[in-house]
């Protein structure tokens, strides 16, 4: 049975949409506050268990967190993973006081 043309168009359209997203590699320190707020909502207990290890173009090991928005795919670099987690948790604690 051949797939129907509308279904095929939808599949091609979805693949095109996924490919058209902007890929961004950025350090946690330079991340816009709006994305940091999204991360706090998505990972209320911290994101340390969601980090991936990759090798960058300089052949160095980097810890990253992948985050997708409607128009971009972020690979958020954690230069110093422990410091980033502490910073994240401290910001969360400060916001819960307000």
PDB file of N, CA and C in Angstrom:
ATOM      1  N   UNK A   1       0.849  -1.177   0.000  1.00  0.00           N
ATOM      2  CA  UNK A   1       0.000   0.000   0.000  1.00  0.00           C
ATOM      3  C   UNK A   1       0.895   1.241   0.000  1.00  0.00           C
ATOM      4  N   UNK A   2       0.653   2.149  -0.936  1.00  0.00           N
ATOM      5  CA  UNK A   2       1.452   3.369  -1.059  1.00  0.00           C
ATOM      6  C   UNK A   2       0.966   4.407  -0.056  1.00  0.00           C
ATOM      7  N   UNK A   3       1.909   5.189   0.521  1.00  0.00           N
ATOM      8  CA  UNK A   3       1.464   6.249   1.421  1.00  0.00           C
ATOM      9  C   UNK A   3       0.741   7.332   0.636  1.00  0.00           C
ATOM     10  N   UNK A   4      -0.250   7.929   1.257  1.00  0.00           N
ATOM     11  CA  UNK A   4      -0.998   8.984   0.580  1.00  0.00           C
ATOM     12  C   UNK A   4      -0.116  10.224   0.439  1.00  0.00           C
ATOM     13  N   UNK A   5      -0.387  11.012  -0.557  1.00  0.00           N
ATOM     14  CA  UNK A   5       0.398  12.204  -0.828  1.00  0.00           C
ATOM     15  C   UNK A   5       0.333  13.221   0.315  1.00  0.00           C
ATOM     16  N   UNK A   6      -0.847  13.504   0.914  1.00  0.00           N
ATOM     17  CA  UNK A   6      -0.877  14.459   2.028  1.00  0.00           C
ATOM     18  C   UNK A   6      -0.007  14.002   3.211  1.00  0.00           C
ATOM     19  N   UNK A   7      -0.035  12.709   3.514  1.00  0.00           N
ATOM     20  CA  UNK A   7       0.814  12.207   4.594  1.00  0.00           C
ATOM     21  C   UNK A   7       2.283  12.362   4.283  1.00  0.00           C
ATOM     22  N   UNK A   8       2.635  12.141   3.022  1.00  0.00           N
ATOM     23  CA  UNK A   8       4.023  12.296   2.592  1.00  0.00           C
ATOM     24  C   UNK A   8       4.447  13.750   2.678  1.00  0.00           C
ATOM     25  N   UNK A   9       3.564  14.652   2.278  1.00  0.00           N
ATOM     26  CA  UNK A   9       3.877  16.086   2.376  1.00  0.00           C
ATOM     27  C   UNK A   9       4.089  16.498   3.832  1.00  0.00           C
ATOM     28  N   UNK A  10       3.261  15.990   4.710  1.00  0.00           N
ATOM     29  CA  UNK A  10       3.388  16.317   6.129  1.00  0.00           C
ATOM     30  C   UNK A  10       4.735  15.839   6.668  1.00  0.00           C
ATOM     31  N   UNK A  11       5.147  14.631   6.277  1.00  0.00           N
ATOM     32  CA  UNK A  11       6.417  14.092   6.739  1.00  0.00           C
ATOM     33  C   UNK A  11       7.579  14.946   6.231  1.00  0.00           C
ATOM     34  N   UNK A  12       7.554  15.336   4.969  1.00  0.00           N
ATOM     35  CA  UNK A  12       8.606  16.183   4.408  1.00  0.00           C
ATOM     36  C   UNK A  12       8.601  17.533   5.096  1.00  0.00           C
ATOM     37  N   UNK A  13       7.415  18.085   5.343  1.00  0.00           N
ATOM     38  CA  UNK A  13       7.290  19.375   6.003  1.00  0.00           C
ATOM     39  C   UNK A  13       7.870  19.327   7.410  1.00  0.00           C
ATOM     40  N   UNK A  14       7.584  18.279   8.169  1.00  0.00           N
ATOM     41  CA  UNK A  14       8.118  18.146   9.530  1.00  0.00           C
ATOM     42  C   UNK A  14       9.635  18.037   9.521  1.00  0.00           C
ATOM     43  N   UNK A  15      10.181  17.282   8.571  1.00  0.00           N
ATOM     44  CA  UNK A  15      11.635  17.162   8.472  1.00  0.00           C
ATOM     45  C   UNK A  15      12.261  18.504   8.134  1.00  0.00           C
ATOM     46  N   UNK A  16      11.632  19.262   7.264  1.00  0.00           N
ATOM     47  CA  UNK A  16      12.165  20.570   6.890  1.00  0.00           C
ATOM     48  C   UNK A  16      12.145  21.513   8.084  1.00  0.00           C
ATOM     49  N   UNK A  17      11.061  21.491   8.861  1.00  0.00           N
ATOM     50  CA  UNK A  17      10.956  22.345  10.028  1.00  0.00           C
ATOM     51  C   UNK A  17      12.060  22.031  11.029  1.00  0.00           C
ATOM     52  N   UNK A  18      12.321  20.760  11.260  1.00  0.00           N
ATOM     53  CA  UNK A  18      13.364  20.381  12.210  1.00  0.00           C
ATOM     54  C   UNK A  18      14.734  20.828  11.715  1.00  0.00           C
ATOM     55  N   UNK A  19      14.948  20.757  10.415  1.00  0.00           N
ATOM     56  CA  UNK A  19      16.243  21.144   9.874  1.00  0.00           C
ATOM     57  C   UNK A  19      16.412  22.652   9.847  1.00  0.00           C
ATOM     58  N   UNK A  20      15.334  23.420   9.859  1.00  0.00           N
ATOM     59  CA  UNK A  20      15.433  24.863   9.751  1.00  0.00           C
ATOM     60  C   UNK A  20      15.693  25.550  11.085  1.00  0.00           C
ATOM     61  N   UNK A  21      15.721  24.811  12.169  1.00  0.00           N
ATOM     62  CA  UNK A  21      16.017  25.422  13.463  1.00  0.00           C
ATOM     63  C   UNK A  21      17.481  25.851  13.520  1.00  0.00           C
ATOM     64  N   UNK A  22      17.718  26.949  14.185  1.00  0.00           N
ATOM     65  CA  UNK A  22      19.051  27.495  14.346  1.00  0.00           C
ATOM     66  C   UNK A  22      19.769  26.708  15.437  1.00  0.00           C
ATOM     67  N   UNK A  23      21.004  26.286  15.189  1.00  0.00           N
ATOM     68  CA  UNK A  23      21.813  25.586  16.187  1.00  0.00           C
ATOM     69  C   UNK A  23      22.720  26.595  16.876  1.00  0.00           C
ATOM     70  N   UNK A  24      22.662  26.615  18.208  1.00  0.00           N
ATOM     71  CA  UNK A  24      23.432  27.588  18.976  1.00  0.00           C
ATOM     72  C   UNK A  24      24.223  26.861  20.048  1.00  0.00           C
ATOM     73  N   UNK A  25      25.531  27.106  20.093  1.00  0.00           N
ATOM     74  CA  UNK A  25      26.354  26.600  21.188  1.00  0.00           C
ATOM     75  C   UNK A  25      26.785  27.825  21.986  1.00  0.00           C
ATOM     76  N   UNK A  26      26.399  27.840  23.269  1.00  0.00           N
ATOM     77  CA  UNK A  26      26.623  29.017  24.104  1.00  0.00           C
ATOM     78  C   UNK A  26      26.972  28.567  25.513  1.00  0.00           C
ATOM     79  N   UNK A  27      27.791  29.343  26.194  1.00  0.00           N
ATOM     80  CA  UNK A  27      28.127  29.007  27.574  1.00  0.00           C
ATOM     81  C   UNK A  27      26.973  29.424  28.491  1.00  0.00           C
ATOM     82  N   UNK A  28      26.854  28.753  29.603  1.00  0.00           N
ATOM     83  CA  UNK A  28      25.774  29.042  30.551  1.00  0.00           C
ATOM     84  C   UNK A  28      25.832  30.494  31.012  1.00  0.00           C
ATOM     85  N   UNK A  29      27.027  31.021  31.185  1.00  0.00           N
ATOM     86  CA  UNK A  29      27.202  32.388  31.656  1.00  0.00           C
ATOM     87  C   UNK A  29      26.642  33.411  30.672  1.00  0.00           C
ATOM     88  N   UNK A  30      26.664  33.117  29.376  1.00  0.00           N
ATOM     89  CA  UNK A  30      26.199  34.049  28.350  1.00  0.00           C
ATOM     90  C   UNK A  30      24.754  33.786  27.925  1.00  0.00           C
ATOM     91  N   UNK A  31      24.119  32.846  28.542  1.00  0.00           N
ATOM     92  CA  UNK A  31      22.760  32.454  28.190  1.00  0.00           C
ATOM     93  C   UNK A  31      21.774  33.561  28.564  1.00  0.00           C
ATOM     94  N   UNK A  32      20.846  33.911  27.658  1.00  0.00           N
ATOM     95  CA  UNK A  32      19.844  34.935  27.994  1.00  0.00           C
ATOM     96  C   UNK A  32      19.004  34.513  29.206  1.00  0.00           C
ATOM     97  N   UNK A  33      18.591  35.481  29.989  1.00  0.00           N
ATOM     98  CA  UNK A  33      17.841  35.201  31.214  1.00  0.00           C
ATOM     99  C   UNK A  33      16.533  34.459  30.934  1.00  0.00           C
ATOM    100  N   UNK A  34      15.919  34.720  29.814  1.00  0.00           N
ATOM    101  CA  UNK A  34      14.657  34.043  29.483  1.00  0.00           C
ATOM    102  C   UNK A  34      14.872  32.534  29.320  1.00  0.00           C
ATOM    103  N   UNK A  35      16.005  32.135  28.759  1.00  0.00           N
ATOM    104  CA  UNK A  35      16.313  30.704  28.607  1.00  0.00           C
ATOM    105  C   UNK A  35      16.663  30.117  29.965  1.00  0.00           C
ATOM    106  N   UNK A  36      17.374  30.872  30.795  1.00  0.00           N
ATOM    107  CA  UNK A  36      17.676  30.387  32.152  1.00  0.00           C
ATOM    108  C   UNK A  36      16.389  30.141  32.935  1.00  0.00           C
ATOM    109  N   UNK A  37      15.419  31.034  32.767  1.00  0.00           N
ATOM    110  CA  UNK A  37      14.131  30.867  33.455  1.00  0.00           C
ATOM    111  C   UNK A  37      13.427  29.598  32.979  1.00  0.00           C
ATOM    112  N   UNK A  38      13.490  29.331  31.668  1.00  0.00           N
ATOM    113  CA  UNK A  38      12.902  28.098  31.136  1.00  0.00           C
ATOM    114  C   UNK A  38      13.576  26.870  31.752  1.00  0.00           C
ATOM    115  N   UNK A  39      14.899  26.929  31.880  1.00  0.00           N
ATOM    116  CA  UNK A  39      15.639  25.805  32.470  1.00  0.00           C
ATOM    117  C   UNK A  39      15.230  25.574  33.919  1.00  0.00           C
ATOM    118  N   UNK A  40      15.032  26.663  34.666  1.00  0.00           N
ATOM    119  CA  UNK A  40      14.607  26.515  36.066  1.00  0.00           C
ATOM    120  C   UNK A  40      13.237  25.843  36.157  1.00  0.00           C
ATOM    121  N   UNK A  41      12.355  26.139  35.201  1.00  0.00           N
ATOM    122  CA  UNK A  41      11.028  25.508  35.197  1.00  0.00           C
ATOM    123  C   UNK A  41      11.111  24.040  34.778  1.00  0.00           C
ATOM    124  N   UNK A  42      11.944  23.756  33.766  1.00  0.00           N
ATOM    125  CA  UNK A  42      12.061  22.382  33.269  1.00  0.00           C
ATOM    126  C   UNK A  42      12.783  21.456  34.234  1.00  0.00           C
ATOM    127  N   UNK A  43      13.771  22.003  34.943  1.00  0.00           N
ATOM    128  CA  UNK A  43      14.601  21.191  35.840  1.00  0.00           C
ATOM    129  C   UNK A  43      14.571  21.782  37.248  1.00  0.00           C
ATOM    130  N   UNK A  44      13.460  21.669  37.962  1.00  0.00           N
ATOM    131  CA  UNK A  44      13.374  22.267  39.301  1.00  0.00           C
ATOM    132  C   UNK A  44      14.369  21.665  40.301  1.00  0.00           C
ATOM    133  N   UNK A  45      14.796  20.436  40.063  1.00  0.00           N
ATOM    134  CA  UNK A  45      15.762  19.799  40.960  1.00  0.00           C
ATOM    135  C   UNK A  45      17.185  19.898  40.436  1.00  0.00           C
ATOM    136  N   UNK A  46      17.401  20.677  39.389  1.00  0.00           N
ATOM    137  CA  UNK A  46      18.736  20.824  38.800  1.00  0.00           C
ATOM    138  C   UNK A  46      18.881  19.956  37.561  1.00  0.00           C
ATOM    139  N   UNK A  47      19.811  20.331  36.719  1.00  0.00           N
ATOM    140  CA  UNK A  47      19.998  19.636  35.450  1.00  0.00           C
ATOM    141  C   UNK A  47      21.241  18.767  35.416  1.00  0.00           C
ATOM    142  N   UNK A  48      21.911  18.586  36.543  1.00  0.00           N
ATOM    143  CA  UNK A  48      23.169  17.835  36.569  1.00  0.00           C
ATOM    144  C   UNK A  48      23.030  16.421  36.029  1.00  0.00           C
ATOM    145  N   UNK A  49      21.870  15.799  36.171  1.00  0.00           N
ATOM    146  CA  UNK A  49      21.660  14.441  35.666  1.00  0.00           C
ATOM    147  C   UNK A  49      21.307  14.409  34.185  1.00  0.00           C
ATOM    148  N   UNK A  50      21.174  15.565  33.566  1.00  0.00           N
ATOM    149  CA  UNK A  50      20.799  15.653  32.157  1.00  0.00           C
ATOM    150  C   UNK A  50      21.946  16.125  31.270  1.00  0.00           C
ATOM    151  N   UNK A  51      23.115  16.305  31.844  1.00  0.00           N
ATOM    152  CA  UNK A  51      24.267  16.775  31.079  1.00  0.00           C
ATOM    153  C   UNK A  51      24.828  15.659  30.209  1.00  0.00           C
ATOM    154  N   UNK A  52      25.297  16.032  29.029  1.00  0.00           N
ATOM    155  CA  UNK A  52      25.958  15.106  28.114  1.00  0.00           C
ATOM    156  C   UNK A  52      27.406  15.555  27.961  1.00  0.00           C
ATOM    157  N   UNK A  53      28.257  14.623  27.651  1.00  0.00           N
ATOM    158  CA  UNK A  53      29.672  14.934  27.428  1.00  0.00           C
ATOM    159  C   UNK A  53      29.965  14.806  25.946  1.00  0.00           C
ATOM    160  N   UNK A  54      30.543  15.865  25.374  1.00  0.00           N
ATOM    161  CA  UNK A  54      30.928  15.847  23.964  1.00  0.00           C
ATOM    162  C   UNK A  54      32.379  16.298  23.843  1.00  0.00           C
ATOM    163  N   UNK A  55      32.939  16.108  22.660  1.00  0.00           N
ATOM    164  CA  UNK A  55      34.279  16.614  22.360  1.00  0.00           C
ATOM    165  C   UNK A  55      34.115  17.752  21.367  1.00  0.00           C
ATOM    166  N   UNK A  56      34.669  18.926  21.701  1.00  0.00           N
ATOM    167  CA  UNK A  56      34.527  20.072  20.808  1.00  0.00           C
ATOM    168  C   UNK A  56      35.579  20.048  19.703  1.00  0.00           C
ATOM    169  N   UNK A  57      35.590  21.089  18.885  1.00  0.00           N
ATOM    170  CA  UNK A  57      36.508  21.125  17.752  1.00  0.00           C
ATOM    171  C   UNK A  57      37.966  21.228  18.179  1.00  0.00           C
ATOM    172  N   UNK A  58      38.229  21.605  19.423  1.00  0.00           N
ATOM    173  CA  UNK A  58      39.600  21.664  19.950  1.00  0.00           C
ATOM    174  C   UNK A  58      40.007  20.353  20.603  1.00  0.00           C
ATOM    175  N   UNK A  59      39.154  19.325  20.443  1.00  0.00           N
ATOM    176  CA  UNK A  59      39.392  17.997  21.028  1.00  0.00           C
ATOM    177  C   UNK A  59      39.372  18.040  22.561  1.00  0.00           C
ATOM    178  N   UNK A  60      38.621  18.976  23.128  1.00  0.00           N
ATOM    179  CA  UNK A  60      38.464  19.069  24.578  1.00  0.00           C
ATOM    180  C   UNK A  60      37.095  18.520  24.967  1.00  0.00           C
ATOM    181  N   UNK A  61      37.023  17.900  26.129  1.00  0.00           N
ATOM    182  CA  UNK A  61      35.758  17.378  26.634  1.00  0.00           C
ATOM    183  C   UNK A  61      34.948  18.527  27.220  1.00  0.00           C
ATOM    184  N   UNK A  62      33.688  18.601  26.816  1.00  0.00           N
ATOM    185  CA  UNK A  62      32.805  19.672  27.266  1.00  0.00           C
ATOM    186  C   UNK A  62      31.501  19.045  27.751  1.00  0.00           C
ATOM    187  N   UNK A  63      30.974  19.547  28.850  1.00  0.00           N
ATOM    188  CA  UNK A  63      29.672  19.110  29.358  1.00  0.00           C
ATOM    189  C   UNK A  63      28.628  20.083  28.815  1.00  0.00           C
ATOM    190  N   UNK A  64      27.571  19.536  28.220  1.00  0.00           N
ATOM    191  CA  UNK A  64      26.536  20.376  27.615  1.00  0.00           C
ATOM    192  C   UNK A  64      25.153  19.910  28.043  1.00  0.00           C
ATOM    193  N   UNK A  65      24.231  20.832  27.960  1.00  0.00           N
ATOM    194  CA  UNK A  65      22.819  20.559  28.186  1.00  0.00           C
ATOM    195  C   UNK A  65      22.094  20.967  26.912  1.00  0.00           C
ATOM    196  N   UNK A  66      21.314  20.071  26.330  1.00  0.00           N
ATOM    197  CA  UNK A  66      20.565  20.375  25.116  1.00  0.00           C
ATOM    198  C   UNK A  66      19.211  20.946  25.504  1.00  0.00           C
ATOM    199  N   UNK A  67      18.860  22.060  24.852  1.00  0.00           N
ATOM    200  CA  UNK A  67      17.572  22.701  25.121  1.00  0.00           C
ATOM    201  C   UNK A  67      17.006  23.207  23.800  1.00  0.00           C
ATOM    202  N   UNK A  68      15.754  22.839  23.510  1.00  0.00           N
ATOM    203  CA  UNK A  68      15.104  23.247  22.264  1.00  0.00           C
ATOM    204  C   UNK A  68      14.027  24.270  22.529  1.00  0.00           C
ATOM    205  N   UNK A  69      14.022  25.305  21.696  1.00  0.00           N
ATOM    206  CA  UNK A  69      12.933  26.272  21.692  1.00  0.00           C
ATOM    207  C   UNK A  69      12.214  26.156  20.354  1.00  0.00           C
ATOM    208  N   UNK A  70      11.248  26.996  20.111  1.00  0.00           N
ATOM    209  CA  UNK A  70      10.495  26.903  18.858  1.00  0.00           C
ATOM    210  C   UNK A  70      11.342  27.202  17.636  1.00  0.00           C
ATOM    211  N   UNK A  71      12.395  28.006  17.799  1.00  0.00           N
ATOM    212  CA  UNK A  71      13.210  28.374  16.642  1.00  0.00           C
ATOM    213  C   UNK A  71      14.681  27.983  16.740  1.00  0.00           C
ATOM    214  N   UNK A  72      15.119  27.458  17.874  1.00  0.00           N
ATOM    215  CA  UNK A  72      16.541  27.158  18.058  1.00  0.00           C
ATOM    216  C   UNK A  72      16.756  25.873  18.839  1.00  0.00           C
ATOM    217  N   UNK A  73      17.928  25.292  18.623  1.00  0.00           N
ATOM    218  CA  UNK A  73      18.398  24.171  19.431  1.00  0.00           C
ATOM    219  C   UNK A  73      19.676  24.652  20.097  1.00  0.00           C
ATOM    220  N   UNK A  74      19.654  24.724  21.426  1.00  0.00           N
ATOM    221  CA  UNK A  74      20.799  25.197  22.186  1.00  0.00           C
ATOM    222  C   UNK A  74      21.604  24.023  22.719  1.00  0.00           C
ATOM    223  N   UNK A  75      22.916  24.102  22.597  1.00  0.00           N
ATOM    224  CA  UNK A  75      23.835  23.254  23.339  1.00  0.00           C
ATOM    225  C   UNK A  75      24.502  24.197  24.323  1.00  0.00           C
ATOM    226  N   UNK A  76      24.137  24.070  25.574  1.00  0.00           N
ATOM    227  CA  UNK A  76      24.610  24.995  26.600  1.00  0.00           C
ATOM    228  C   UNK A  76      25.845  24.405  27.246  1.00  0.00           C
ATOM    229  N   UNK A  77      26.983  25.076  27.048  1.00  0.00           N
ATOM    230  CA  UNK A  77      28.261  24.592  27.578  1.00  0.00           C
ATOM    231  C   UNK A  77      28.380  24.941  29.053  1.00  0.00           C
ATOM    232  N   UNK A  78      28.832  23.972  29.808  1.00  0.00           N
ATOM    233  CA  UNK A  78      29.112  24.181  31.215  1.00  0.00           C
ATOM    234  C   UNK A  78      30.626  24.182  31.376  1.00  0.00           C
ATOM    235  N   UNK A  79      31.206  25.375  31.414  1.00  0.00           N
ATOM    236  CA  UNK A  79      32.661  25.496  31.518  1.00  0.00           C
ATOM    237  C   UNK A  79      33.153  24.804  32.782  1.00  0.00           C
ATOM    238  N   UNK A  80      32.496  25.120  33.858  1.00  0.00           N
ATOM    239  CA  UNK A  80      32.817  24.502  35.135  1.00  0.00           C
ATOM    240  C   UNK A  80      31.494  23.956  35.661  1.00  0.00           C
ATOM    241  N   UNK A  81      31.256  22.697  35.467  1.00  0.00           N
ATOM    242  CA  UNK A  81      29.954  22.088  35.753  1.00  0.00           C
ATOM    243  C   UNK A  81      29.523  22.330  37.190  1.00  0.00           C
ATOM    244  N   UNK A  82      30.412  22.113  38.123  1.00  0.00           N
ATOM    245  CA  UNK A  82      30.052  22.268  39.534  1.00  0.00           C
ATOM    246  C   UNK A  82      29.664  23.713  39.840  1.00  0.00           C
ATOM    247  N   UNK A  83      30.414  24.664  39.325  1.00  0.00           N
ATOM    248  CA  UNK A  83      30.117  26.078  39.569  1.00  0.00           C
ATOM    249  C   UNK A  83      28.787  26.469  38.935  1.00  0.00           C
ATOM    250  N   UNK A  84      28.502  25.931  37.747  1.00  0.00           N
ATOM    251  CA  UNK A  84      27.243  26.245  37.069  1.00  0.00           C
ATOM    252  C   UNK A  84      26.058  25.708  37.859  1.00  0.00           C
ATOM    253  N   UNK A  85      26.199  24.520  38.412  1.00  0.00           N
ATOM    254  CA  UNK A  85      25.113  23.927  39.195  1.00  0.00           C
ATOM    255  C   UNK A  85      24.885  24.725  40.472  1.00  0.00           C
ATOM    256  N   UNK A  86      25.955  25.121  41.126  1.00  0.00           N
ATOM    257  CA  UNK A  86      25.832  25.932  42.339  1.00  0.00           C
ATOM    258  C   UNK A  86      25.167  27.261  42.012  1.00  0.00           C
ATOM    259  N   UNK A  87      25.599  27.895  40.910  1.00  0.00           N
ATOM    260  CA  UNK A  87      25.011  29.158  40.478  1.00  0.00           C
ATOM    261  C   UNK A  87      23.524  28.984  40.196  1.00  0.00           C
ATOM    262  N   UNK A  88      23.175  27.919  39.512  1.00  0.00           N
ATOM    263  CA  UNK A  88      21.777  27.618  39.179  1.00  0.00           C
ATOM    264  C   UNK A  88      20.952  27.476  40.453  1.00  0.00           C
ATOM    265  N   UNK A  89      21.442  26.688  41.392  1.00  0.00           N
ATOM    266  CA  UNK A  89      20.704  26.460  42.634  1.00  0.00           C
ATOM    267  C   UNK A  89      20.599  27.730  43.464  1.00  0.00           C
ATOM    268  N   UNK A  90      21.649  28.544  43.508  1.00  0.00           N
ATOM    269  CA  UNK A  90      21.605  29.805  44.242  1.00  0.00           C
ATOM    270  C   UNK A  90      20.574  30.747  43.651  1.00  0.00           C
ATOM    271  N   UNK A  91      20.507  30.837  42.334  1.00  0.00           N
ATOM    272  CA  UNK A  91      19.497  31.692  41.692  1.00  0.00           C
ATOM    273  C   UNK A  91      18.100  31.194  42.009  1.00  0.00           C
ATOM    274  N   UNK A  92      17.912  29.898  42.040  1.00  0.00           N
ATOM    275  CA  UNK A  92      16.604  29.318  42.361  1.00  0.00           C
ATOM    276  C   UNK A  92      16.212  29.672  43.792  1.00  0.00           C
ATOM    277  N   UNK A  93      17.169  29.559  44.732  1.00  0.00           N
ATOM    278  CA  UNK A  93      16.896  29.876  46.127  1.00  0.00           C
ATOM    279  C   UNK A  93      16.531  31.350  46.288  1.00  0.00           C
ATOM    280  N   UNK A  94      17.249  32.221  45.578  1.00  0.00           N
ATOM    281  CA  UNK A  94      16.960  33.662  45.679  1.00  0.00           C
ATOM    282  C   UNK A  94      15.583  33.989  45.147  1.00  0.00           C
ATOM    283  N   UNK A  95      15.158  33.340  44.092  1.00  0.00           N
ATOM    284  CA  UNK A  95      13.852  33.618  43.525  1.00  0.00           C
ATOM    285  C   UNK A  95      12.725  33.071  44.383  1.00  0.00           C
ATOM    286  N   UNK A  96      12.975  31.991  45.102  1.00  0.00           N
ATOM    287  CA  UNK A  96      11.910  31.436  45.941  1.00  0.00           C
ATOM    288  C   UNK A  96      11.659  32.296  47.171  1.00  0.00           C
ATOM    289  N   UNK A  97      12.624  33.145  47.548  1.00  0.00           N
ATOM    290  CA  UNK A  97      12.464  34.034  48.708  1.00  0.00           C
ATOM    291  C   UNK A  97      11.553  35.201  48.351  1.00  0.00           C
ATOM    292  N   UNK A  98      11.664  35.677  47.101  1.00  0.00           N
ATOM    293  CA  UNK A  98      10.877  36.867  46.677  1.00  0.00           C
ATOM    294  C   UNK A  98       9.424  36.634  46.634  1.00  0.00           C
TER     295      UNK A  98
END
